[in-house]
């Protein structure tokens, strides 16, 4: 879709900047899959089956971006 970018919702226990996160993630996934930004959230929700809840993540990131 036009106007969308890949972002990663994260919950961190330590102060880590985006560049440190990107460097760490780059060792595990292909460069073209790296997020443009990381959105810090107080919690990450999963589905009852334990899988990522993409609909929730999309709305949580949009709400967090709206606060800026």
PDB file of N, CA and C in Angstrom:
ATOM      1  N   UNK A   1       0.836  -1.184   0.000  1.00  0.00           N
ATOM      2  CA  UNK A   1       0.000   0.000   0.000  1.00  0.00           C
ATOM      3  C   UNK A   1       0.879   1.244   0.000  1.00  0.00           C
ATOM      4  N   UNK A   2       0.411   2.265  -0.591  1.00  0.00           N
ATOM      5  CA  UNK A   2       1.134   3.519  -0.655  1.00  0.00           C
ATOM      6  C   UNK A   2       1.036   4.235   0.686  1.00  0.00           C
ATOM      7  N   UNK A   3       2.146   4.816   1.128  1.00  0.00           N
ATOM      8  CA  UNK A   3       2.142   5.598   2.356  1.00  0.00           C
ATOM      9  C   UNK A   3       2.341   4.793   3.618  1.00  0.00           C
ATOM     10  N   UNK A   4       2.639   3.519   3.510  1.00  0.00           N
ATOM     11  CA  UNK A   4       2.890   2.704   4.679  1.00  0.00           C
ATOM     12  C   UNK A   4       4.361   2.362   4.756  1.00  0.00           C
ATOM     13  N   UNK A   5       4.848   2.175   5.988  1.00  0.00           N
ATOM     14  CA  UNK A   5       6.226   1.753   6.176  1.00  0.00           C
ATOM     15  C   UNK A   5       6.254   0.647   7.224  1.00  0.00           C
ATOM     16  N   UNK A   6       7.305  -0.125   7.208  1.00  0.00           N
ATOM     17  CA  UNK A   6       7.448  -1.209   8.162  1.00  0.00           C
ATOM     18  C   UNK A   6       7.953  -0.629   9.476  1.00  0.00           C
ATOM     19  N   UNK A   7       7.176  -0.841  10.533  1.00  0.00           N
ATOM     20  CA  UNK A   7       7.599  -0.441  11.871  1.00  0.00           C
ATOM     21  C   UNK A   7       7.476  -1.653  12.786  1.00  0.00           C
ATOM     22  N   UNK A   8       8.221  -1.630  13.872  1.00  0.00           N
ATOM     23  CA  UNK A   8       8.182  -2.749  14.814  1.00  0.00           C
ATOM     24  C   UNK A   8       7.748  -2.254  16.182  1.00  0.00           C
ATOM     25  N   UNK A   9       6.633  -2.756  16.690  1.00  0.00           N
ATOM     26  CA  UNK A   9       6.274  -2.426  18.068  1.00  0.00           C
ATOM     27  C   UNK A   9       7.194  -3.223  19.001  1.00  0.00           C
ATOM     28  N   UNK A  10       7.766  -2.544  19.987  1.00  0.00           N
ATOM     29  CA  UNK A  10       8.690  -3.208  20.911  1.00  0.00           C
ATOM     30  C   UNK A  10       8.370  -2.837  22.350  1.00  0.00           C
ATOM     31  N   UNK A  11       8.686  -3.729  23.245  1.00  0.00           N
ATOM     32  CA  UNK A  11       8.604  -3.484  24.682  1.00  0.00           C
ATOM     33  C   UNK A  11       9.988  -3.764  25.215  1.00  0.00           C
ATOM     34  N   UNK A  12      10.644  -2.735  25.757  1.00  0.00           N
ATOM     35  CA  UNK A  12      12.029  -2.873  26.192  1.00  0.00           C
ATOM     36  C   UNK A  12      12.161  -2.718  27.699  1.00  0.00           C
ATOM     37  N   UNK A  13      13.117  -3.426  28.268  1.00  0.00           N
ATOM     38  CA  UNK A  13      13.427  -3.295  29.681  1.00  0.00           C
ATOM     39  C   UNK A  13      14.618  -2.364  29.905  1.00  0.00           C
ATOM     40  N   UNK A  14      15.265  -1.933  28.832  1.00  0.00           N
ATOM     41  CA  UNK A  14      16.453  -1.085  28.941  1.00  0.00           C
ATOM     42  C   UNK A  14      16.380   0.025  27.900  1.00  0.00           C
ATOM     43  N   UNK A  15      17.135   1.085  28.139  1.00  0.00           N
ATOM     44  CA  UNK A  15      17.213   2.163  27.155  1.00  0.00           C
ATOM     45  C   UNK A  15      18.062   1.703  25.975  1.00  0.00           C
ATOM     46  N   UNK A  16      17.447   1.642  24.841  1.00  0.00           N
ATOM     47  CA  UNK A  16      18.125   1.248  23.611  1.00  0.00           C
ATOM     48  C   UNK A  16      17.603   2.141  22.510  1.00  0.00           C
ATOM     49  N   UNK A  17      18.507   2.736  21.738  1.00  0.00           N
ATOM     50  CA  UNK A  17      18.043   3.606  20.662  1.00  0.00           C
ATOM     51  C   UNK A  17      17.747   2.780  19.409  1.00  0.00           C
ATOM     52  N   UNK A  18      17.118   3.433  18.437  1.00  0.00           N
ATOM     53  CA  UNK A  18      16.688   2.727  17.222  1.00  0.00           C
ATOM     54  C   UNK A  18      17.862   2.100  16.477  1.00  0.00           C
ATOM     55  N   UNK A  19      19.001   2.778  16.446  1.00  0.00           N
ATOM     56  CA  UNK A  19      20.147   2.252  15.703  1.00  0.00           C
ATOM     57  C   UNK A  19      20.676   0.970  16.349  1.00  0.00           C
ATOM     58  N   UNK A  20      20.693   0.905  17.677  1.00  0.00           N
ATOM     59  CA  UNK A  20      21.120  -0.321  18.361  1.00  0.00           C
ATOM     60  C   UNK A  20      20.144  -1.458  18.079  1.00  0.00           C
ATOM     61  N   UNK A  21      18.856  -1.145  18.103  1.00  0.00           N
ATOM     62  CA  UNK A  21      17.850  -2.163  17.793  1.00  0.00           C
ATOM     63  C   UNK A  21      18.009  -2.663  16.361  1.00  0.00           C
ATOM     64  N   UNK A  22      18.172  -1.737  15.430  1.00  0.00           N
ATOM     65  CA  UNK A  22      18.303  -2.107  14.015  1.00  0.00           C
ATOM     66  C   UNK A  22      19.530  -2.990  13.804  1.00  0.00           C
ATOM     67  N   UNK A  23      20.639  -2.658  14.470  1.00  0.00           N
ATOM     68  CA  UNK A  23      21.861  -3.455  14.350  1.00  0.00           C
ATOM     69  C   UNK A  23      21.633  -4.873  14.870  1.00  0.00           C
ATOM     70  N   UNK A  24      20.958  -4.994  16.004  1.00  0.00           N
ATOM     71  CA  UNK A  24      20.670  -6.314  16.559  1.00  0.00           C
ATOM     72  C   UNK A  24      19.737  -7.125  15.687  1.00  0.00           C
ATOM     73  N   UNK A  25      18.710  -6.486  15.172  1.00  0.00           N
ATOM     74  CA  UNK A  25      17.737  -7.173  14.319  1.00  0.00           C
ATOM     75  C   UNK A  25      18.372  -7.587  12.996  1.00  0.00           C
ATOM     76  N   UNK A  26      19.306  -6.768  12.498  1.00  0.00           N
ATOM     77  CA  UNK A  26      19.940  -7.045  11.202  1.00  0.00           C
ATOM     78  C   UNK A  26      20.722  -8.354  11.209  1.00  0.00           C
ATOM     79  N   UNK A  27      21.096  -8.839  12.382  1.00  0.00           N
ATOM     80  CA  UNK A  27      21.805 -10.121  12.448  1.00  0.00           C
ATOM     81  C   UNK A  27      20.850 -11.298  12.309  1.00  0.00           C
ATOM     82  N   UNK A  28      19.528 -11.031  12.396  1.00  0.00           N
ATOM     83  CA  UNK A  28      18.543 -12.118  12.383  1.00  0.00           C
ATOM     84  C   UNK A  28      17.625 -12.133  11.168  1.00  0.00           C
ATOM     85  N   UNK A  29      17.432 -10.979  10.529  1.00  0.00           N
ATOM     86  CA  UNK A  29      16.538 -10.938   9.370  1.00  0.00           C
ATOM     87  C   UNK A  29      17.214 -10.228   8.205  1.00  0.00           C
ATOM     88  N   UNK A  30      16.670 -10.430   7.019  1.00  0.00           N
ATOM     89  CA  UNK A  30      17.224  -9.815   5.812  1.00  0.00           C
ATOM     90  C   UNK A  30      17.124  -8.292   5.883  1.00  0.00           C
ATOM     91  N   UNK A  31      18.075  -7.612   5.290  1.00  0.00           N
ATOM     92  CA  UNK A  31      18.140  -6.154   5.330  1.00  0.00           C
ATOM     93  C   UNK A  31      16.870  -5.489   4.805  1.00  0.00           C
ATOM     94  N   UNK A  32      16.280  -6.044   3.748  1.00  0.00           N
ATOM     95  CA  UNK A  32      15.084  -5.419   3.180  1.00  0.00           C
ATOM     96  C   UNK A  32      13.870  -5.543   4.102  1.00  0.00           C
ATOM     97  N   UNK A  33      13.944  -6.412   5.106  1.00  0.00           N
ATOM     98  CA  UNK A  33      12.846  -6.573   6.053  1.00  0.00           C
ATOM     99  C   UNK A  33      13.010  -5.706   7.305  1.00  0.00           C
ATOM    100  N   UNK A  34      14.123  -4.996   7.423  1.00  0.00           N
ATOM    101  CA  UNK A  34      14.378  -4.183   8.614  1.00  0.00           C
ATOM    102  C   UNK A  34      13.331  -3.085   8.758  1.00  0.00           C
ATOM    103  N   UNK A  35      12.839  -2.867   9.972  1.00  0.00           N
ATOM    104  CA  UNK A  35      11.850  -1.807  10.193  1.00  0.00           C
ATOM    105  C   UNK A  35      12.451  -0.426   9.979  1.00  0.00           C
ATOM    106  N   UNK A  36      11.627   0.486   9.497  1.00  0.00           N
ATOM    107  CA  UNK A  36      12.041   1.879   9.349  1.00  0.00           C
ATOM    108  C   UNK A  36      12.115   2.557  10.714  1.00  0.00           C
ATOM    109  N   UNK A  37      11.247   2.109  11.636  1.00  0.00           N
ATOM    110  CA  UNK A  37      11.199   2.705  12.971  1.00  0.00           C
ATOM    111  C   UNK A  37      10.751   1.656  13.969  1.00  0.00           C
ATOM    112  N   UNK A  38      11.022   1.940  15.229  1.00  0.00           N
ATOM    113  CA  UNK A  38      10.589   1.094  16.337  1.00  0.00           C
ATOM    114  C   UNK A  38       9.670   1.934  17.212  1.00  0.00           C
ATOM    115  N   UNK A  39       8.503   1.396  17.532  1.00  0.00           N
ATOM    116  CA  UNK A  39       7.533   2.106  18.368  1.00  0.00           C
ATOM    117  C   UNK A  39       7.515   1.406  19.722  1.00  0.00           C
ATOM    118  N   UNK A  40       7.879   2.149  20.753  1.00  0.00           N
ATOM    119  CA  UNK A  40       7.933   1.595  22.104  1.00  0.00           C
ATOM    120  C   UNK A  40       6.550   1.600  22.735  1.00  0.00           C
ATOM    121  N   UNK A  41       6.124   0.434  23.212  1.00  0.00           N
ATOM    122  CA  UNK A  41       4.814   0.269  23.825  1.00  0.00           C
ATOM    123  C   UNK A  41       4.980  -0.360  25.212  1.00  0.00           C
ATOM    124  N   UNK A  42       4.058  -0.094  26.133  1.00  0.00           N
ATOM    125  CA  UNK A  42       4.172  -0.664  27.478  1.00  0.00           C
ATOM    126  C   UNK A  42       3.944  -2.175  27.520  1.00  0.00           C
ATOM    127  N   UNK A  43       3.228  -2.700  26.524  1.00  0.00           N
ATOM    128  CA  UNK A  43       3.009  -4.148  26.454  1.00  0.00           C
ATOM    129  C   UNK A  43       2.772  -4.540  25.002  1.00  0.00           C
ATOM    130  N   UNK A  44       2.984  -5.808  24.723  1.00  0.00           N
ATOM    131  CA  UNK A  44       2.731  -6.372  23.397  1.00  0.00           C
ATOM    132  C   UNK A  44       1.670  -7.448  23.580  1.00  0.00           C
ATOM    133  N   UNK A  45       0.585  -7.316  22.854  1.00  0.00           N
ATOM    134  CA  UNK A  45      -0.521  -8.269  22.978  1.00  0.00           C
ATOM    135  C   UNK A  45      -0.376  -9.392  21.956  1.00  0.00           C
ATOM    136  N   UNK A  46      -0.759 -10.587  22.351  1.00  0.00           N
ATOM    137  CA  UNK A  46      -0.751 -11.746  21.461  1.00  0.00           C
ATOM    138  C   UNK A  46      -2.143 -12.343  21.408  1.00  0.00           C
ATOM    139  N   UNK A  47      -2.395 -13.124  20.387  1.00  0.00           N
ATOM    140  CA  UNK A  47      -3.685 -13.801  20.260  1.00  0.00           C
ATOM    141  C   UNK A  47      -3.768 -14.897  21.324  1.00  0.00           C
ATOM    142  N   UNK A  48      -4.967 -15.447  21.553  1.00  0.00           N
ATOM    143  CA  UNK A  48      -5.090 -16.544  22.522  1.00  0.00           C
ATOM    144  C   UNK A  48      -4.201 -17.746  22.185  1.00  0.00           C
ATOM    145  N   UNK A  49      -3.864 -17.908  20.914  1.00  0.00           N
ATOM    146  CA  UNK A  49      -3.004 -19.020  20.506  1.00  0.00           C
ATOM    147  C   UNK A  49      -1.525 -18.695  20.706  1.00  0.00           C
ATOM    148  N   UNK A  50      -1.216 -17.470  21.150  1.00  0.00           N
ATOM    149  CA  UNK A  50       0.168 -17.081  21.387  1.00  0.00           C
ATOM    150  C   UNK A  50       0.869 -16.465  20.189  1.00  0.00           C
ATOM    151  N   UNK A  51       0.122 -16.303  19.109  1.00  0.00           N
ATOM    152  CA  UNK A  51       0.714 -15.707  17.902  1.00  0.00           C
ATOM    153  C   UNK A  51       0.608 -14.190  17.943  1.00  0.00           C
ATOM    154  N   UNK A  52       1.372 -13.535  17.099  1.00  0.00           N
ATOM    155  CA  UNK A  52       1.329 -12.075  17.023  1.00  0.00           C
ATOM    156  C   UNK A  52      -0.068 -11.618  16.621  1.00  0.00           C
ATOM    157  N   UNK A  53      -0.548 -10.578  17.286  1.00  0.00           N
ATOM    158  CA  UNK A  53      -1.860 -10.007  16.981  1.00  0.00           C
ATOM    159  C   UNK A  53      -1.628  -8.782  16.093  1.00  0.00           C
ATOM    160  N   UNK A  54      -1.573  -9.002  14.799  1.00  0.00           N
ATOM    161  CA  UNK A  54      -1.217  -7.942  13.859  1.00  0.00           C
ATOM    162  C   UNK A  54      -2.236  -6.810  13.824  1.00  0.00           C
ATOM    163  N   UNK A  55      -3.503  -7.132  13.954  1.00  0.00           N
ATOM    164  CA  UNK A  55      -4.530  -6.075  13.955  1.00  0.00           C
ATOM    165  C   UNK A  55      -4.341  -5.164  15.157  1.00  0.00           C
ATOM    166  N   UNK A  56      -4.119  -5.752  16.328  1.00  0.00           N
ATOM    167  CA  UNK A  56      -3.865  -4.949  17.528  1.00  0.00           C
ATOM    168  C   UNK A  56      -2.598  -4.113  17.350  1.00  0.00           C
ATOM    169  N   UNK A  57      -1.524  -4.714  16.836  1.00  0.00           N
ATOM    170  CA  UNK A  57      -0.261  -3.999  16.657  1.00  0.00           C
ATOM    171  C   UNK A  57      -0.446  -2.812  15.723  1.00  0.00           C
ATOM    172  N   UNK A  58      -1.170  -3.011  14.635  1.00  0.00           N
ATOM    173  CA  UNK A  58      -1.403  -1.931  13.677  1.00  0.00           C
ATOM    174  C   UNK A  58      -2.131  -0.766  14.346  1.00  0.00           C
ATOM    175  N   UNK A  59      -3.174  -1.064  15.133  1.00  0.00           N
ATOM    176  CA  UNK A  59      -3.932   0.004  15.784  1.00  0.00           C
ATOM    177  C   UNK A  59      -3.131   0.644  16.918  1.00  0.00           C
ATOM    178  N   UNK A  60      -2.344  -0.144  17.658  1.00  0.00           N
ATOM    179  CA  UNK A  60      -1.525   0.410  18.746  1.00  0.00           C
ATOM    180  C   UNK A  60      -0.450   1.341  18.203  1.00  0.00           C
ATOM    181  N   UNK A  61       0.177   0.961  17.107  1.00  0.00           N
ATOM    182  CA  UNK A  61       1.203   1.805  16.497  1.00  0.00           C
ATOM    183  C   UNK A  61       0.569   3.079  15.955  1.00  0.00           C
ATOM    184  N   UNK A  62      -0.585   2.963  15.319  1.00  0.00           N
ATOM    185  CA  UNK A  62      -1.277   4.151  14.783  1.00  0.00           C
ATOM    186  C   UNK A  62      -1.660   5.109  15.920  1.00  0.00           C
ATOM    187  N   UNK A  63      -2.131   4.569  17.027  1.00  0.00           N
ATOM    188  CA  UNK A  63      -2.502   5.413  18.168  1.00  0.00           C
ATOM    189  C   UNK A  63      -1.273   6.100  18.753  1.00  0.00           C
ATOM    190  N   UNK A  64      -0.172   5.369  18.849  1.00  0.00           N
ATOM    191  CA  UNK A  64       1.070   5.942  19.396  1.00  0.00           C
ATOM    192  C   UNK A  64       1.616   7.017  18.464  1.00  0.00           C
ATOM    193  N   UNK A  65       1.549   6.772  17.169  1.00  0.00           N
ATOM    194  CA  UNK A  65       2.021   7.769  16.181  1.00  0.00           C
ATOM    195  C   UNK A  65       1.130   9.016  16.215  1.00  0.00           C
ATOM    196  N   UNK A  66      -0.160   8.833  16.515  1.00  0.00           N
ATOM    197  CA  UNK A  66      -1.087   9.954  16.593  1.00  0.00           C
ATOM    198  C   UNK A  66      -0.789  10.878  17.767  1.00  0.00           C
ATOM    199  N   UNK A  67      -0.127  10.363  18.800  1.00  0.00           N
ATOM    200  CA  UNK A  67       0.219  11.170  19.967  1.00  0.00           C
ATOM    201  C   UNK A  67       1.374  12.131  19.688  1.00  0.00           C
ATOM    202  N   UNK A  68       2.159  11.835  18.654  1.00  0.00           N
ATOM    203  CA  UNK A  68       3.340  12.664  18.357  1.00  0.00           C
ATOM    204  C   UNK A  68       2.988  13.943  17.656  1.00  0.00           C
TER     205      UNK A  68
END
